Amino acid sequence: MSLDALVNRVRQAEQAVEVREQRTRRQWTQFKATWRAAWTPGRIVVAGLAAGFAAGRAKPLRLAGSGGVLDLLRALTPLFVGVQAAQAAAEELQPDPSNNPPETPPSP
């Protein structure tokens, strides 16, 4: 292969990577929006009840004695705190419709 052909192949590969990167960003944005919209309060309660039931059935005292579960919880706690902080920050950035004064109808 000549140098020009190799340069063309590299350019094509770079363009393909850019297109895939843009598509991935769009899909990630759509996924985040769908994920947040899907977590309604009812689903959060059901997920909490299911997790609580599973934790109760797993004999937590027996598992806690091994120490592995506690290490896992210690490792995952900062992750959950970060997610909650990000959600709180996102909620603060959105305008609150209850703070807007009601519009008065025009006088005749």
PDB file of N, CA and C in Angstrom:
ATOM      1  N   MET A   1       0.833  -1.179   0.000  1.00  0.00           N
ATOM      2  CA  MET A   1       0.000   0.000   0.000  1.00  0.00           C
ATOM      3  C   MET A   1       0.875   1.239   0.000  1.00  0.00           C
ATOM      4  N   SER A   2       0.400   2.227  -0.706  1.00  0.00           N
ATOM      5  CA  SER A   2       1.171   3.465  -0.764  1.00  0.00           C
ATOM      6  C   SER A   2       0.863   4.318   0.460  1.00  0.00           C
ATOM      7  N   LEU A   3       1.674   5.326   0.641  1.00  0.00           N
ATOM      8  CA  LEU A   3       1.501   6.223   1.782  1.00  0.00           C
ATOM      9  C   LEU A   3       0.169   6.964   1.695  1.00  0.00           C
ATOM     10  N   ASP A   4      -0.216   7.375   0.496  1.00  0.00           N
ATOM     11  CA  ASP A   4      -1.496   8.080   0.331  1.00  0.00           C
ATOM     12  C   ASP A   4      -2.673   7.192   0.722  1.00  0.00           C
ATOM     13  N   ALA A   5      -2.616   5.942   0.352  1.00  0.00           N
ATOM     14  CA  ALA A   5      -3.697   5.018   0.700  1.00  0.00           C
ATOM     15  C   ALA A   5      -3.776   4.831   2.213  1.00  0.00           C
ATOM     16  N   LEU A   6      -2.628   4.734   2.862  1.00  0.00           N
ATOM     17  CA  LEU A   6      -2.620   4.593   4.321  1.00  0.00           C
ATOM     18  C   LEU A   6      -3.162   5.844   5.007  1.00  0.00           C
ATOM     19  N   VAL A   7      -2.798   7.008   4.492  1.00  0.00           N
ATOM     20  CA  VAL A   7      -3.294   8.267   5.058  1.00  0.00           C
ATOM     21  C   VAL A   7      -4.814   8.337   4.908  1.00  0.00           C
ATOM     22  N   ASN A   8      -5.324   7.911   3.752  1.00  0.00           N
ATOM     23  CA  ASN A   8      -6.771   7.908   3.540  1.00  0.00           C
ATOM     24  C   ASN A   8      -7.470   6.951   4.502  1.00  0.00           C
ATOM     25  N   ARG A   9      -6.870   5.796   4.738  1.00  0.00           N
ATOM     26  CA  ARG A   9      -7.465   4.839   5.680  1.00  0.00           C
ATOM     27  C   ARG A   9      -7.497   5.411   7.089  1.00  0.00           C
ATOM     28  N   VAL A  10      -6.456   6.105   7.480  1.00  0.00           N
ATOM     29  CA  VAL A  10      -6.412   6.713   8.811  1.00  0.00           C
ATOM     30  C   VAL A  10      -7.486   7.788   8.928  1.00  0.00           C
ATOM     31  N   ARG A  11      -7.635   8.611   7.900  1.00  0.00           N
ATOM     32  CA  ARG A  11      -8.665   9.662   7.929  1.00  0.00           C
ATOM     33  C   ARG A  11     -10.060   9.055   8.032  1.00  0.00           C
ATOM     34  N   GLN A  12     -10.300   8.000   7.271  1.00  0.00           N
ATOM     35  CA  GLN A  12     -11.599   7.336   7.334  1.00  0.00           C
ATOM     36  C   GLN A  12     -11.848   6.757   8.727  1.00  0.00           C
ATOM     37  N   ALA A  13     -10.825   6.171   9.302  1.00  0.00           N
ATOM     38  CA  ALA A  13     -10.970   5.603  10.644  1.00  0.00           C
ATOM     39  C   ALA A  13     -11.241   6.695  11.671  1.00  0.00           C
ATOM     40  N   GLU A  14     -10.572   7.834  11.544  1.00  0.00           N
ATOM     41  CA  GLU A  14     -10.805   8.949  12.469  1.00  0.00           C
ATOM     42  C   GLU A  14     -12.224   9.478  12.333  1.00  0.00           C
ATOM     43  N   GLN A  15     -12.711   9.581  11.108  1.00  0.00           N
ATOM     44  CA  GLN A  15     -14.080  10.043  10.900  1.00  0.00           C
ATOM     45  C   GLN A  15     -15.081   9.055  11.499  1.00  0.00           C
ATOM     46  N   ALA A  16     -14.809   7.771  11.329  1.00  0.00           N
ATOM     47  CA  ALA A  16     -15.701   6.757  11.892  1.00  0.00           C
ATOM     48  C   ALA A  16     -15.729   6.843  13.413  1.00  0.00           C
ATOM     49  N   VAL A  17     -14.583   7.083  14.020  1.00  0.00           N
ATOM     50  CA  VAL A  17     -14.522   7.216  15.477  1.00  0.00           C
ATOM     51  C   VAL A  17     -15.307   8.440  15.934  1.00  0.00           C
ATOM     52  N   GLU A  18     -15.188   9.540  15.223  1.00  0.00           N
ATOM     53  CA  GLU A  18     -15.923  10.757  15.590  1.00  0.00           C
ATOM     54  C   GLU A  18     -17.428  10.543  15.488  1.00  0.00           C
ATOM     55  N   VAL A  19     -17.865   9.873  14.432  1.00  0.00           N
ATOM     56  CA  VAL A  19     -19.295   9.604  14.263  1.00  0.00           C
ATOM     57  C   VAL A  19     -19.796   8.717  15.395  1.00  0.00           C
ATOM     58  N   ARG A  20     -19.040   7.699  15.738  1.00  0.00           N
ATOM     59  CA  ARG A  20     -19.445   6.802  16.828  1.00  0.00           C
ATOM     60  C   ARG A  20     -19.450   7.518  18.169  1.00  0.00           C
ATOM     61  N   GLU A  21     -18.495   8.419  18.359  1.00  0.00           N
ATOM     62  CA  GLU A  21     -18.454   9.185  19.605  1.00  0.00           C
ATOM     63  C   GLU A  21     -19.692  10.068  19.734  1.00  0.00           C
ATOM     64  N   GLN A  22     -20.070  10.740  18.670  1.00  0.00           N
ATOM     65  CA  GLN A  22     -21.262  11.588  18.697  1.00  0.00           C
ATOM     66  C   GLN A  22     -22.518  10.762  18.946  1.00  0.00           C
ATOM     67  N   ARG A  23     -22.600   9.610  18.295  1.00  0.00           N
ATOM     68  CA  ARG A  23     -23.759   8.742  18.489  1.00  0.00           C
ATOM     69  C   ARG A  23     -23.819   8.241  19.923  1.00  0.00           C
ATOM     70  N   THR A  24     -22.669   7.887  20.479  1.00  0.00           N
ATOM     71  CA  THR A  24     -22.624   7.417  21.862  1.00  0.00           C
ATOM     72  C   THR A  24     -23.049   8.507  22.824  1.00  0.00           C
ATOM     73  N   ARG A  25     -22.617   9.733  22.599  1.00  0.00           N
ATOM     74  CA  ARG A  25     -23.035  10.851  23.459  1.00  0.00           C
ATOM     75  C   ARG A  25     -24.547  11.057  23.401  1.00  0.00           C
ATOM     76  N   ARG A  26     -25.118  11.014  22.195  1.00  0.00           N
ATOM     77  CA  ARG A  26     -26.570  11.180  22.063  1.00  0.00           C
ATOM     78  C   ARG A  26     -27.312  10.064  22.787  1.00  0.00           C
ATOM     79  N   GLN A  27     -26.847   8.836  22.605  1.00  0.00           N
ATOM     80  CA  GLN A  27     -27.508   7.707  23.247  1.00  0.00           C
ATOM     81  C   GLN A  27     -27.368   7.780  24.763  1.00  0.00           C
ATOM     82  N   TRP A  28     -26.226   8.218  25.257  1.00  0.00           N
ATOM     83  CA  TRP A  28     -26.025   8.334  26.701  1.00  0.00           C
ATOM     84  C   TRP A  28     -26.950   9.394  27.287  1.00  0.00           C
ATOM     85  N   THR A  29     -27.087  10.519  26.588  1.00  0.00           N
ATOM     86  CA  THR A  29     -27.988  11.574  27.053  1.00  0.00           C
ATOM     87  C   THR A  29     -29.425  11.066  27.097  1.00  0.00           C
ATOM     88  N   GLN A  30     -29.825  10.350  26.072  1.00  0.00           N
ATOM     89  CA  GLN A  30     -31.177   9.802  26.034  1.00  0.00           C
ATOM     90  C   GLN A  30     -31.362   8.761  27.139  1.00  0.00           C
ATOM     91  N   PHE A  31     -30.367   7.934  27.368  1.00  0.00           N
ATOM     92  CA  PHE A  31     -30.447   6.923  28.420  1.00  0.00           C
ATOM     93  C   PHE A  31     -30.595   7.571  29.792  1.00  0.00           C
ATOM     94  N   LYS A  32     -29.810   8.617  30.056  1.00  0.00           N
ATOM     95  CA  LYS A  32     -29.901   9.294  31.353  1.00  0.00           C
ATOM     96  C   LYS A  32     -31.294   9.866  31.569  1.00  0.00           C
ATOM     97  N   ALA A  33     -31.847  10.496  30.548  1.00  0.00           N
ATOM     98  CA  ALA A  33     -33.185  11.081  30.679  1.00  0.00           C
ATOM     99  C   ALA A  33     -34.229   9.995  30.912  1.00  0.00           C
ATOM    100  N   THR A  34     -34.133   8.906  30.185  1.00  0.00           N
ATOM    101  CA  THR A  34     -35.083   7.809  30.351  1.00  0.00           C
ATOM    102  C   THR A  34     -34.941   7.168  31.720  1.00  0.00           C
ATOM    103  N   TRP A  35     -33.711   6.992  32.172  1.00  0.00           N
ATOM    104  CA  TRP A  35     -33.459   6.375  33.473  1.00  0.00           C
ATOM    105  C   TRP A  35     -34.064   7.213  34.593  1.00  0.00           C
ATOM    106  N   ARG A  36     -33.856   8.517  34.550  1.00  0.00           N
ATOM    107  CA  ARG A  36     -34.395   9.389  35.599  1.00  0.00           C
ATOM    108  C   ARG A  36     -35.912   9.438  35.559  1.00  0.00           C
ATOM    109  N   ALA A  37     -36.472   9.439  34.363  1.00  0.00           N
ATOM    110  CA  ALA A  37     -37.930   9.486  34.248  1.00  0.00           C
ATOM    111  C   ALA A  37     -38.573   8.188  34.727  1.00  0.00           C
ATOM    112  N   ALA A  38     -37.853   7.079  34.589  1.00  0.00           N
ATOM    113  CA  ALA A  38     -38.415   5.785  34.981  1.00  0.00           C
ATOM    114  C   ALA A  38     -38.472   5.607  36.490  1.00  0.00           C
ATOM    115  N   TRP A  39     -37.632   6.307  37.229  1.00  0.00           N
ATOM    116  CA  TRP A  39     -37.601   6.119  38.679  1.00  0.00           C
ATOM    117  C   TRP A  39     -38.634   7.010  39.349  1.00  0.00           C
ATOM    118  N   THR A  40     -39.876   6.582  39.239  1.00  0.00           N
ATOM    119  CA  THR A  40     -40.964   7.278  39.910  1.00  0.00           C
ATOM    120  C   THR A  40     -40.945   6.893  41.381  1.00  0.00           C
ATOM    121  N   PRO A  41     -41.581   7.671  42.251  1.00  0.00           N
ATOM    122  CA  PRO A  41     -41.576   7.339  43.682  1.00  0.00           C
ATOM    123  C   PRO A  41     -42.102   5.938  43.983  1.00  0.00           C
ATOM    124  N   GLY A  42     -43.122   5.504  43.266  1.00  0.00           N
ATOM    125  CA  GLY A  42     -43.650   4.156  43.494  1.00  0.00           C
ATOM    126  C   GLY A  42     -42.626   3.081  43.201  1.00  0.00           C
ATOM    127  N   ARG A  43     -41.894   3.249  42.133  1.00  0.00           N
ATOM    128  CA  ARG A  43     -40.872   2.256  41.783  1.00  0.00           C
ATOM    129  C   ARG A  43     -39.732   2.268  42.787  1.00  0.00           C
ATOM    130  N   ILE A  44     -39.415   3.435  43.300  1.00  0.00           N
ATOM    131  CA  ILE A  44     -38.356   3.518  44.304  1.00  0.00           C
ATOM    132  C   ILE A  44     -38.779   2.770  45.562  1.00  0.00           C
ATOM    133  N   VAL A  45     -40.038   2.929  45.968  1.00  0.00           N
ATOM    134  CA  VAL A  45     -40.536   2.233  47.158  1.00  0.00           C
ATOM    135  C   VAL A  45     -40.527   0.726  46.930  1.00  0.00           C
ATOM    136  N   VAL A  46     -40.990   0.287  45.771  1.00  0.00           N
ATOM    137  CA  VAL A  46     -41.007  -1.149  45.475  1.00  0.00           C
ATOM    138  C   VAL A  46     -39.588  -1.708  45.461  1.00  0.00           C
ATOM    139  N   ALA A  47     -38.649  -0.990  44.865  1.00  0.00           N
ATOM    140  CA  ALA A  47     -37.256  -1.456  44.843  1.00  0.00           C
ATOM    141  C   ALA A  47     -36.693  -1.525  46.255  1.00  0.00           C
ATOM    142  N   GLY A  48     -37.033  -0.560  47.102  1.00  0.00           N
ATOM    143  CA  GLY A  48     -36.571  -0.586  48.489  1.00  0.00           C
ATOM    144  C   GLY A  48     -37.151  -1.754  49.260  1.00  0.00           C
ATOM    145  N   LEU A  49     -38.437  -2.023  49.057  1.00  0.00           N
ATOM    146  CA  LEU A  49     -39.056  -3.165  49.731  1.00  0.00           C
ATOM    147  C   LEU A  49     -38.427  -4.479  49.271  1.00  0.00           C
ATOM    148  N   ALA A  50     -38.195  -4.608  47.973  1.00  0.00           N
ATOM    149  CA  ALA A  50     -37.578  -5.831  47.453  1.00  0.00           C
ATOM    150  C   ALA A  50     -36.159  -5.994  47.991  1.00  0.00           C
ATOM    151  N   ALA A  51     -35.406  -4.901  48.042  1.00  0.00           N
ATOM    152  CA  ALA A  51     -34.038  -4.981  48.567  1.00  0.00           C
ATOM    153  C   ALA A  51     -34.056  -5.316  50.055  1.00  0.00           C
ATOM    154  N   GLY A  52     -34.994  -4.743  50.790  1.00  0.00           N
ATOM    155  CA  GLY A  52     -35.106  -5.058  52.214  1.00  0.00           C
ATOM    156  C   GLY A  52     -35.474  -6.507  52.451  1.00  0.00           C
ATOM    157  N   PHE A  53     -36.400  -7.022  51.650  1.00  0.00           N
ATOM    158  CA  PHE A  53     -36.777  -8.426  51.775  1.00  0.00           C
ATOM    159  C   PHE A  53     -35.591  -9.332  51.464  1.00  0.00           C
ATOM    160  N   ALA A  54     -34.874  -9.013  50.385  1.00  0.00           N
ATOM    161  CA  ALA A  54     -33.710  -9.830  50.013  1.00  0.00           C
ATOM    162  C   ALA A  54     -32.639  -9.771  51.097  1.00  0.00           C
ATOM    163  N   ALA A  55     -32.445  -8.602  51.684  1.00  0.00           N
ATOM    164  CA  ALA A  55     -31.440  -8.480  52.744  1.00  0.00           C
ATOM    165  C   ALA A  55     -31.860  -9.271  53.974  1.00  0.00           C
ATOM    166  N   GLY A  56     -33.141  -9.282  54.281  1.00  0.00           N
ATOM    167  CA  GLY A  56     -33.621 -10.046  55.429  1.00  0.00           C
ATOM    168  C   GLY A  56     -33.506 -11.539  55.217  1.00  0.00           C
ATOM    169  N   ARG A  57     -33.743 -11.994  53.997  1.00  0.00           N
ATOM    170  CA  ARG A  57     -33.658 -13.425  53.690  1.00  0.00           C
ATOM    171  C   ARG A  57     -32.213 -13.909  53.615  1.00  0.00           C
ATOM    172  N   ALA A  58     -31.273 -13.015  53.468  1.00  0.00           N
ATOM    173  CA  ALA A  58     -29.871 -13.402  53.283  1.00  0.00           C
ATOM    174  C   ALA A  58     -29.161 -13.658  54.603  1.00  0.00           C
ATOM    175  N   LYS A  59     -29.877 -13.655  55.697  1.00  0.00           N
ATOM    176  CA  LYS A  59     -29.279 -13.866  57.018  1.00  0.00           C
ATOM    177  C   LYS A  59     -28.131 -12.886  57.229  1.00  0.00           C
ATOM    178  N   PRO A  60     -28.442 -11.612  57.404  1.00  0.00           N
ATOM    179  CA  PRO A  60     -27.397 -10.588  57.441  1.00  0.00           C
ATOM    180  C   PRO A  60     -26.387 -10.763  58.566  1.00  0.00           C
ATOM    181  N   LEU A  61     -26.797 -11.296  59.694  1.00  0.00           N
ATOM    182  CA  LEU A  61     -25.836 -11.445  60.793  1.00  0.00           C
ATOM    183  C   LEU A  61     -24.768 -12.473  60.447  1.00  0.00           C
ATOM    184  N   ARG A  62     -25.155 -13.541  59.778  1.00  0.00           N
ATOM    185  CA  ARG A  62     -24.179 -14.553  59.387  1.00  0.00           C
ATOM    186  C   ARG A  62     -23.211 -13.985  58.345  1.00  0.00           C
ATOM    187  N   LEU A  63     -23.745 -13.218  57.381  1.00  0.00           N
ATOM    188  CA  LEU A  63     -22.890 -12.650  56.341  1.00  0.00           C
ATOM    189  C   LEU A  63     -22.013 -11.523  56.875  1.00  0.00           C
ATOM    190  N   ALA A  64     -22.525 -10.767  57.828  1.00  0.00           N
ATOM    191  CA  ALA A  64     -21.753  -9.648  58.365  1.00  0.00           C
ATOM    192  C   ALA A  64     -20.533 -10.137  59.134  1.00  0.00           C
ATOM    193  N   GLY A  65     -20.593 -11.335  59.653  1.00  0.00           N
ATOM    194  CA  GLY A  65     -19.459 -11.872  60.396  1.00  0.00           C
ATOM    195  C   GLY A  65     -18.240 -12.093  59.520  1.00  0.00           C
ATOM    196  N   SER A  66     -18.452 -12.311  58.229  1.00  0.00           N
ATOM    197  CA  SER A  66     -17.316 -12.560  57.343  1.00  0.00           C
ATOM    198  C   SER A  66     -16.553 -11.276  57.023  1.00  0.00           C
ATOM    199  N   GLY A  67     -17.208 -10.132  57.095  1.00  0.00           N
ATOM    200  CA  GLY A  67     -16.536  -8.863  56.843  1.00  0.00           C
ATOM    201  C   GLY A  67     -16.543  -8.429  55.393  1.00  0.00           C
ATOM    202  N   GLY A  68     -16.794  -9.330  54.472  1.00  0.00           N
ATOM    203  CA  GLY A  68     -16.797  -8.980  53.055  1.00  0.00           C
ATOM    204  C   GLY A  68     -17.927  -8.036  52.693  1.00  0.00           C
ATOM    205  N   VAL A  69     -19.083  -8.262  53.295  1.00  0.00           N
ATOM    206  CA  VAL A  69     -20.236  -7.414  52.999  1.00  0.00           C
ATOM    207  C   VAL A  69     -19.990  -6.002  53.508  1.00  0.00           C
ATOM    208  N   LEU A  70     -19.420  -5.900  54.689  1.00  0.00           N
ATOM    209  CA  LEU A  70     -19.155  -4.576  55.241  1.00  0.00           C
ATOM    210  C   LEU A  70     -18.132  -3.823  54.394  1.00  0.00           C
ATOM    211  N   ASP A  71     -17.125  -4.520  53.927  1.00  0.00           N
ATOM    212  CA  ASP A  71     -16.141  -3.879  53.049  1.00  0.00           C
ATOM    213  C   ASP A  71     -16.796  -3.402  51.752  1.00  0.00           C
ATOM    214  N   LEU A  72     -17.701  -4.217  51.216  1.00  0.00           N
ATOM    215  CA  LEU A  72     -18.413  -3.831  50.001  1.00  0.00           C
ATOM    216  C   LEU A  72     -19.267  -2.593  50.250  1.00  0.00           C
ATOM    217  N   LEU A  73     -19.975  -2.562  51.361  1.00  0.00           N
ATOM    218  CA  LEU A  73     -20.805  -1.401  51.682  1.00  0.00           C
ATOM    219  C   LEU A  73     -19.958  -0.152  51.881  1.00  0.00           C
ATOM    220  N   ARG A  74     -18.827  -0.295  52.521  1.00  0.00           N
ATOM    221  CA  ARG A  74     -17.934   0.856  52.706  1.00  0.00           C
ATOM    222  C   ARG A  74     -17.418   1.373  51.365  1.00  0.00           C
ATOM    223  N   ALA A  75     -17.190   0.476  50.437  1.00  0.00           N
ATOM    224  CA  ALA A  75     -16.683   0.883  49.129  1.00  0.00           C
ATOM    225  C   ALA A  75     -17.772   1.548  48.284  1.00  0.00           C
ATOM    226  N   LEU A  76     -19.016   1.098  48.421  1.00  0.00           N
ATOM    227  CA  LEU A  76     -20.099   1.621  47.588  1.00  0.00           C
ATOM    228  C   LEU A  76     -20.762   2.869  48.150  1.00  0.00           C
ATOM    229  N   THR A  77     -20.591   3.147  49.429  1.00  0.00           N
ATOM    230  CA  THR A  77     -21.246   4.303  50.043  1.00  0.00           C
ATOM    231  C   THR A  77     -20.886   5.618  49.355  1.00  0.00           C
ATOM    232  N   PRO A  78     -19.621   5.905  49.065  1.00  0.00           N
ATOM    233  CA  PRO A  78     -19.318   7.174  48.378  1.00  0.00           C
ATOM    234  C   PRO A  78     -19.985   7.281  47.006  1.00  0.00           C
ATOM    235  N   LEU A  79     -20.168   6.151  46.341  1.00  0.00           N
ATOM    236  CA  LEU A  79     -20.834   6.169  45.042  1.00  0.00           C
ATOM    237  C   LEU A  79     -22.273   6.645  45.191  1.00  0.00           C
ATOM    238  N   PHE A  80     -22.987   6.094  46.159  1.00  0.00           N
ATOM    239  CA  PHE A  80     -24.383   6.486  46.365  1.00  0.00           C
ATOM    240  C   PHE A  80     -24.489   7.933  46.826  1.00  0.00           C
ATOM    241  N   VAL A  81     -23.569   8.366  47.652  1.00  0.00           N
ATOM    242  CA  VAL A  81     -23.583   9.754  48.119  1.00  0.00           C
ATOM    243  C   VAL A  81     -23.366  10.697  46.940  1.00  0.00           C
ATOM    244  N   GLY A  82     -22.461  10.342  46.058  1.00  0.00           N
ATOM    245  CA  GLY A  82     -22.200  11.173  44.886  1.00  0.00           C
ATOM    246  C   GLY A  82     -23.404  11.254  43.963  1.00  0.00           C
ATOM    247  N   VAL A  83     -24.091  10.141  43.773  1.00  0.00           N
ATOM    248  CA  VAL A  83     -25.281  10.133  42.919  1.00  0.00           C
ATOM    249  C   VAL A  83     -26.370  11.003  43.533  1.00  0.00           C
ATOM    250  N   GLN A  84     -26.567  10.885  44.837  1.00  0.00           N
ATOM    251  CA  GLN A  84     -27.587  11.692  45.504  1.00  0.00           C
ATOM    252  C   GLN A  84     -27.240  13.175  45.427  1.00  0.00           C
ATOM    253  N   ALA A  85     -25.979  13.510  45.582  1.00  0.00           N
ATOM    254  CA  ALA A  85     -25.566  14.915  45.496  1.00  0.00           C
ATOM    255  C   ALA A  85     -25.786  15.457  44.088  1.00  0.00           C
ATOM    256  N   ALA A  86     -25.495  14.654  43.085  1.00  0.00           N
ATOM    257  CA  ALA A  86     -25.700  15.091  41.704  1.00  0.00           C
ATOM    258  C   ALA A  86     -27.181  15.312  41.417  1.00  0.00           C
ATOM    259  N   GLN A  87     -28.028  14.431  41.926  1.00  0.00           N
ATOM    260  CA  GLN A  87     -29.464  14.603  41.718  1.00  0.00           C
ATOM    261  C   GLN A  87     -29.971  15.846  42.436  1.00  0.00           C
ATOM    262  N   ALA A  88     -29.484  16.083  43.643  1.00  0.00           N
ATOM    263  CA  ALA A  88     -29.903  17.272  44.384  1.00  0.00           C
ATOM    264  C   ALA A  88     -29.458  18.540  43.662  1.00  0.00           C
ATOM    265  N   ALA A  89     -28.257  18.522  43.118  1.00  0.00           N
ATOM    266  CA  ALA A  89     -27.765  19.692  42.387  1.00  0.00           C
ATOM    267  C   ALA A  89     -28.590  19.921  41.124  1.00  0.00           C
ATOM    268  N   ALA A  90     -28.963  18.846  40.451  1.00  0.00           N
ATOM    269  CA  ALA A  90     -29.774  18.983  39.241  1.00  0.00           C
ATOM    270  C   ALA A  90     -31.154  19.540  39.578  1.00  0.00           C
ATOM    271  N   GLU A  91     -31.709  19.127  40.702  1.00  0.00           N
ATOM    272  CA  GLU A  91     -33.020  19.636  41.107  1.00  0.00           C
ATOM    273  C   GLU A  91     -32.941  21.112  41.483  1.00  0.00           C
ATOM    274  N   GLU A  92     -31.839  21.534  42.074  1.00  0.00           N
ATOM    275  CA  GLU A  92     -31.693  22.935  42.452  1.00  0.00           C
ATOM    276  C   GLU A  92     -31.584  23.836  41.226  1.00  0.00           C
ATOM    277  N   LEU A  93     -31.029  23.319  40.148  1.00  0.00           N
ATOM    278  CA  LEU A  93     -30.859  24.123  38.941  1.00  0.00           C
ATOM    279  C   LEU A  93     -32.167  24.339  38.196  1.00  0.00           C
ATOM    280  N   GLN A  94     -33.130  23.449  38.390  1.00  0.00           N
ATOM    281  CA  GLN A  94     -34.403  23.596  37.704  1.00  0.00           C
ATOM    282  C   GLN A  94     -35.255  24.626  38.439  1.00  0.00           C
ATOM    283  N   PRO A  95     -35.925  25.512  37.689  1.00  0.00           N
ATOM    284  CA  PRO A  95     -36.748  26.540  38.342  1.00  0.00           C
ATOM    285  C   PRO A  95     -37.953  25.911  39.030  1.00  0.00           C
ATOM    286  N   ASP A  96     -38.317  26.472  40.155  1.00  0.00           N
ATOM    287  CA  ASP A  96     -39.441  25.990  40.934  1.00  0.00           C
ATOM    288  C   ASP A  96     -40.686  26.772  40.529  1.00  0.00           C
ATOM    289  N   PRO A  97     -41.703  26.108  39.955  1.00  0.00           N
ATOM    290  CA  PRO A  97     -42.885  26.844  39.502  1.00  0.00           C
ATOM    291  C   PRO A  97     -43.690  27.437  40.656  1.00  0.00           C
ATOM    292  N   SER A  98     -43.545  26.935  41.874  1.00  0.00           N
ATOM    293  CA  SER A  98     -44.305  27.466  42.999  1.00  0.00           C
ATOM    294  C   SER A  98     -43.784  28.833  43.436  1.00  0.00           C
ATOM    295  N   ASN A  99     -42.559  29.203  43.054  1.00  0.00           N
ATOM    296  CA  ASN A  99     -42.007  30.503  43.423  1.00  0.00           C
ATOM    297  C   ASN A  99     -42.483  31.623  42.506  1.00  0.00           C
ATOM    298  N   ASN A 100     -43.029  31.279  41.351  1.00  0.00           N
ATOM    299  CA  ASN A 100     -43.485  32.297  40.413  1.00  0.00           C
ATOM    300  C   ASN A 100     -44.827  32.843  40.878  1.00  0.00           C
ATOM    301  N   PRO A 101     -44.995  34.163  40.916  1.00  0.00           N
ATOM    302  CA  PRO A 101     -46.289  34.718  41.327  1.00  0.00           C
ATOM    303  C   PRO A 101     -47.342  34.426  40.266  1.00  0.00           C
ATOM    304  N   PRO A 102     -48.598  34.257  40.692  1.00  0.00           N
ATOM    305  CA  PRO A 102     -49.640  33.976  39.697  1.00  0.00           C
ATOM    306  C   PRO A 102     -49.860  35.192  38.806  1.00  0.00           C
ATOM    307  N   GLU A 103     -50.146  34.899  37.571  1.00  0.00           N
ATOM    308  CA  GLU A 103     -50.386  35.980  36.625  1.00  0.00           C
ATOM    309  C   GLU A 103     -51.783  36.538  36.858  1.00  0.00           C
ATOM    310  N   THR A 104     -51.880  37.844  36.860  1.00  0.00           N
ATOM    311  CA  THR A 104     -53.185  38.476  37.030  1.00  0.00           C
ATOM    312  C   THR A 104     -53.783  38.737  35.664  1.00  0.00           C
ATOM    313  N   PRO A 105     -55.087  38.523  35.540  1.00  0.00           N
ATOM    314  CA  PRO A 105     -55.704  38.765  34.228  1.00  0.00           C
ATOM    315  C   PRO A 105     -55.703  40.259  33.921  1.00  0.00           C
ATOM    316  N   PRO A 106     -55.648  40.611  32.653  1.00  0.00           N
ATOM    317  CA  PRO A 106     -55.645  42.039  32.291  1.00  0.00           C
ATOM    318  C   PRO A 106     -56.967  42.691  32.680  1.00  0.00           C
ATOM    319  N   SER A 107     -56.881  43.935  33.129  1.00  0.00           N
ATOM    320  CA  SER A 107     -58.103  44.649  33.514  1.00  0.00           C
ATOM    321  C   SER A 107     -58.846  45.120  32.262  1.00  0.00           C
ATOM    322  N   PRO A 108     -60.185  45.094  32.340  1.00  0.00           N
ATOM    323  CA  PRO A 108     -60.973  45.513  31.158  1.00  0.00           C
ATOM    324  C   PRO A 108     -60.990  46.988  30.953  1.00  0.00           C
TER     325      PRO A 108
END
